[in-house]
Amino acid sequence: MPARAYYIPDSKRMDDLVEHRESSDRIQFLNGIWKFKYFESIYDVKE
């Protein structure tokens, strides 16, 4: 994927957020194992 800029809303002082963004209460990392299921059509999905 191409690189892109992002924005994190500030809930603390920006000095702390820039250095320790993982401790922000406004960020959610989506790292990990994802389980995707691919379907030919939306009608193949069982609800």
PDB file of N, CA and C in Angstrom:
ATOM      1  N   MET A   1       0.838  -1.179   0.000  1.00  0.00           N
ATOM      2  CA  MET A   1       0.000   0.000   0.000  1.00  0.00           C
ATOM      3  C   MET A   1       0.880   1.238   0.000  1.00  0.00           C
ATOM      4  N   PRO A   2       0.454   2.271  -0.677  1.00  0.00           N
ATOM      5  CA  PRO A   2       1.239   3.499  -0.681  1.00  0.00           C
ATOM      6  C   PRO A   2       1.196   4.185   0.686  1.00  0.00           C
ATOM      7  N   ALA A   3       2.262   4.881   1.009  1.00  0.00           N
ATOM      8  CA  ALA A   3       2.313   5.612   2.277  1.00  0.00           C
ATOM      9  C   ALA A   3       1.301   6.744   2.263  1.00  0.00           C
ATOM     10  N   ARG A   4       0.765   7.051   3.425  1.00  0.00           N
ATOM     11  CA  ARG A   4      -0.185   8.159   3.511  1.00  0.00           C
ATOM     12  C   ARG A   4      -0.081   8.802   4.886  1.00  0.00           C
ATOM     13  N   ALA A   5      -0.486  10.032   4.955  1.00  0.00           N
ATOM     14  CA  ALA A   5      -0.489  10.758   6.220  1.00  0.00           C
ATOM     15  C   ALA A   5      -1.744  10.393   7.002  1.00  0.00           C
ATOM     16  N   TYR A   6      -1.687  10.538   8.289  1.00  0.00           N
ATOM     17  CA  TYR A   6      -2.859  10.291   9.110  1.00  0.00           C
ATOM     18  C   TYR A   6      -2.932  11.338  10.214  1.00  0.00           C
ATOM     19  N   TYR A   7      -4.065  11.403  10.869  1.00  0.00           N
ATOM     20  CA  TYR A   7      -4.311  12.399  11.894  1.00  0.00           C
ATOM     21  C   TYR A   7      -4.784  11.689  13.151  1.00  0.00           C
ATOM     22  N   ILE A   8      -4.201  12.026  14.289  1.00  0.00           N
ATOM     23  CA  ILE A   8      -4.643  11.498  15.571  1.00  0.00           C
ATOM     24  C   ILE A   8      -5.121  12.676  16.404  1.00  0.00           C
ATOM     25  N   PRO A   9      -6.416  12.711  16.790  1.00  0.00           N
ATOM     26  CA  PRO A   9      -6.905  13.818  17.618  1.00  0.00           C
ATOM     27  C   PRO A   9      -6.139  13.879  18.937  1.00  0.00           C
ATOM     28  N   ASP A  10      -5.898  15.054  19.403  1.00  0.00           N
ATOM     29  CA  ASP A  10      -5.099  15.272  20.603  1.00  0.00           C
ATOM     30  C   ASP A  10      -5.979  15.269  21.839  1.00  0.00           C
ATOM     31  N   SER A  11      -5.655  14.409  22.795  1.00  0.00           N
ATOM     32  CA  SER A  11      -6.344  14.442  24.079  1.00  0.00           C
ATOM     33  C   SER A  11      -5.378  14.815  25.201  1.00  0.00           C
ATOM     34  N   LYS A  12      -4.087  14.876  24.869  1.00  0.00           N
ATOM     35  CA  LYS A  12      -3.053  15.263  25.826  1.00  0.00           C
ATOM     36  C   LYS A  12      -2.181  16.320  25.165  1.00  0.00           C
ATOM     37  N   ARG A  13      -1.103  16.642  25.804  1.00  0.00           N
ATOM     38  CA  ARG A  13      -0.132  17.542  25.175  1.00  0.00           C
ATOM     39  C   ARG A  13       0.481  16.867  23.963  1.00  0.00           C
ATOM     40  N   MET A  14       0.713  17.606  22.903  1.00  0.00           N
ATOM     41  CA  MET A  14       1.248  17.036  21.668  1.00  0.00           C
ATOM     42  C   MET A  14       2.659  16.476  21.846  1.00  0.00           C
ATOM     43  N   ASP A  15       3.460  17.041  22.736  1.00  0.00           N
ATOM     44  CA  ASP A  15       4.817  16.530  22.951  1.00  0.00           C
ATOM     45  C   ASP A  15       4.778  15.058  23.358  1.00  0.00           C
ATOM     46  N   ASP A  16       3.889  14.724  24.276  1.00  0.00           N
ATOM     47  CA  ASP A  16       3.768  13.343  24.735  1.00  0.00           C
ATOM     48  C   ASP A  16       3.216  12.441  23.639  1.00  0.00           C
ATOM     49  N   LEU A  17       2.254  12.937  22.881  1.00  0.00           N
ATOM     50  CA  LEU A  17       1.614  12.129  21.851  1.00  0.00           C
ATOM     51  C   LEU A  17       2.574  11.781  20.724  1.00  0.00           C
ATOM     52  N   VAL A  18       3.399  12.723  20.329  1.00  0.00           N
ATOM     53  CA  VAL A  18       4.337  12.476  19.234  1.00  0.00           C
ATOM     54  C   VAL A  18       5.362  11.429  19.640  1.00  0.00           C
ATOM     55  N   GLU A  19       5.838  11.517  20.855  1.00  0.00           N
ATOM     56  CA  GLU A  19       6.877  10.585  21.294  1.00  0.00           C
ATOM     57  C   GLU A  19       6.316   9.219  21.685  1.00  0.00           C
ATOM     58  N   HIS A  20       5.120   9.179  22.259  1.00  0.00           N
ATOM     59  CA  HIS A  20       4.542   7.930  22.773  1.00  0.00           C
ATOM     60  C   HIS A  20       3.118   7.764  22.253  1.00  0.00           C
ATOM     61  N   ARG A  21       2.965   7.652  20.945  1.00  0.00           N
ATOM     62  CA  ARG A  21       1.620   7.587  20.377  1.00  0.00           C
ATOM     63  C   ARG A  21       0.858   6.341  20.807  1.00  0.00           C
ATOM     64  N   GLU A  22       1.563   5.259  21.118  1.00  0.00           N
ATOM     65  CA  GLU A  22       0.876   4.032  21.521  1.00  0.00           C
ATOM     66  C   GLU A  22       0.186   4.164  22.876  1.00  0.00           C
ATOM     67  N   SER A  23       0.544   5.166  23.676  1.00  0.00           N
ATOM     68  CA  SER A  23      -0.097   5.360  24.972  1.00  0.00           C
ATOM     69  C   SER A  23      -1.303   6.296  24.891  1.00  0.00           C
ATOM     70  N   SER A  24      -1.620   6.774  23.692  1.00  0.00           N
ATOM     71  CA  SER A  24      -2.765   7.661  23.516  1.00  0.00           C
ATOM     72  C   SER A  24      -4.068   6.890  23.710  1.00  0.00           C
ATOM     73  N   ASP A  25      -5.058   7.549  24.280  1.00  0.00           N
ATOM     74  CA  ASP A  25      -6.377   6.926  24.419  1.00  0.00           C
ATOM     75  C   ASP A  25      -7.204   7.096  23.147  1.00  0.00           C
ATOM     76  N   ARG A  26      -6.626   7.685  22.120  1.00  0.00           N
ATOM     77  CA  ARG A  26      -7.325   7.950  20.863  1.00  0.00           C
ATOM     78  C   ARG A  26      -6.816   7.107  19.699  1.00  0.00           C
ATOM     79  N   ILE A  27      -6.046   6.074  19.964  1.00  0.00           N
ATOM     80  CA  ILE A  27      -5.488   5.281  18.868  1.00  0.00           C
ATOM     81  C   ILE A  27      -5.793   3.808  19.107  1.00  0.00           C
ATOM     82  N   GLN A  28      -6.085   3.091  18.028  1.00  0.00           N
ATOM     83  CA  GLN A  28      -6.357   1.654  18.089  1.00  0.00           C
ATOM     84  C   GLN A  28      -5.510   0.981  17.014  1.00  0.00           C
ATOM     85  N   PHE A  29      -4.567   0.166  17.411  1.00  0.00           N
ATOM     86  CA  PHE A  29      -3.751  -0.549  16.445  1.00  0.00           C
ATOM     87  C   PHE A  29      -4.517  -1.771  15.953  1.00  0.00           C
ATOM     88  N   LEU A  30      -4.404  -2.052  14.682  1.00  0.00           N
ATOM     89  CA  LEU A  30      -5.108  -3.180  14.079  1.00  0.00           C
ATOM     90  C   LEU A  30      -4.143  -4.278  13.662  1.00  0.00           C
ATOM     91  N   ASN A  31      -2.995  -4.335  14.322  1.00  0.00           N
ATOM     92  CA  ASN A  31      -2.013  -5.379  14.046  1.00  0.00           C
ATOM     93  C   ASN A  31      -2.540  -6.705  14.574  1.00  0.00           C
ATOM     94  N   GLY A  32      -2.168  -7.765  13.922  1.00  0.00           N
ATOM     95  CA  GLY A  32      -2.557  -9.081  14.394  1.00  0.00           C
ATOM     96  C   GLY A  32      -2.959  -9.980  13.251  1.00  0.00           C
ATOM     97  N   ILE A  33      -3.599 -11.077  13.594  1.00  0.00           N
ATOM     98  CA  ILE A  33      -4.044 -12.042  12.595  1.00  0.00           C
ATOM     99  C   ILE A  33      -5.511 -11.780  12.291  1.00  0.00           C
ATOM    100  N   TRP A  34      -5.795 -11.609  11.019  1.00  0.00           N
ATOM    101  CA  TRP A  34      -7.164 -11.364  10.566  1.00  0.00           C
ATOM    102  C   TRP A  34      -7.651 -12.593   9.816  1.00  0.00           C
ATOM    103  N   LYS A  35      -8.910 -12.928  10.001  1.00  0.00           N
ATOM    104  CA  LYS A  35      -9.507 -14.056   9.282  1.00  0.00           C
ATOM    105  C   LYS A  35     -10.558 -13.498   8.330  1.00  0.00           C
ATOM    106  N   PHE A  36     -10.226 -13.513   7.046  1.00  0.00           N
ATOM    107  CA  PHE A  36     -11.141 -13.013   6.028  1.00  0.00           C
ATOM    108  C   PHE A  36     -11.793 -14.181   5.314  1.00  0.00           C
ATOM    109  N   LYS A  37     -13.035 -13.993   4.920  1.00  0.00           N
ATOM    110  CA  LYS A  37     -13.724 -14.948   4.057  1.00  0.00           C
ATOM    111  C   LYS A  37     -14.153 -14.195   2.817  1.00  0.00           C
ATOM    112  N   TYR A  38     -13.818 -14.758   1.674  1.00  0.00           N
ATOM    113  CA  TYR A  38     -14.145 -14.121   0.403  1.00  0.00           C
ATOM    114  C   TYR A  38     -15.293 -14.864  -0.258  1.00  0.00           C
ATOM    115  N   PHE A  39     -16.234 -14.116  -0.811  1.00  0.00           N
ATOM    116  CA  PHE A  39     -17.399 -14.680  -1.471  1.00  0.00           C
ATOM    117  C   PHE A  39     -17.534 -14.077  -2.859  1.00  0.00           C
ATOM    118  N   GLU A  40     -18.057 -14.869  -3.772  1.00  0.00           N
ATOM    119  CA  GLU A  40     -18.294 -14.390  -5.130  1.00  0.00           C
ATOM    120  C   GLU A  40     -19.398 -13.335  -5.150  1.00  0.00           C
ATOM    121  N   SER A  41     -20.358 -13.477  -4.257  1.00  0.00           N
ATOM    122  CA  SER A  41     -21.522 -12.587  -4.245  1.00  0.00           C
ATOM    123  C   SER A  41     -21.953 -12.359  -2.804  1.00  0.00           C
ATOM    124  N   ILE A  42     -22.611 -11.253  -2.539  1.00  0.00           N
ATOM    125  CA  ILE A  42     -23.125 -11.002  -1.183  1.00  0.00           C
ATOM    126  C   ILE A  42     -24.235 -11.983  -0.834  1.00  0.00           C
ATOM    127  N   TYR A  43     -24.837 -12.603  -1.842  1.00  0.00           N
ATOM    128  CA  TYR A  43     -25.913 -13.568  -1.614  1.00  0.00           C
ATOM    129  C   TYR A  43     -25.373 -14.916  -1.148  1.00  0.00           C
ATOM    130  N   ASP A  44     -24.079 -15.124  -1.242  1.00  0.00           N
ATOM    131  CA  ASP A  44     -23.455 -16.350  -0.752  1.00  0.00           C
ATOM    132  C   ASP A  44     -23.166 -16.289   0.745  1.00  0.00           C
ATOM    133  N   VAL A  45     -23.293 -15.133   1.344  1.00  0.00           N
ATOM    134  CA  VAL A  45     -22.997 -14.945   2.766  1.00  0.00           C
ATOM    135  C   VAL A  45     -24.195 -15.399   3.588  1.00  0.00           C
ATOM    136  N   LYS A  46     -23.938 -16.312   4.531  1.00  0.00           N
ATOM    137  CA  LYS A  46     -25.005 -16.768   5.429  1.00  0.00           C
ATOM    138  C   LYS A  46     -25.055 -15.832   6.617  1.00  0.00           C
ATOM    139  N   GLU A  47     -26.223 -15.415   6.980  1.00  0.00           N
ATOM    140  CA  GLU A  47     -26.353 -14.470   8.103  1.00  0.00           C
ATOM    141  C   GLU A  47     -26.496 -15.176   9.411  1.00  0.00           C
TER     142      GLU A  47
END
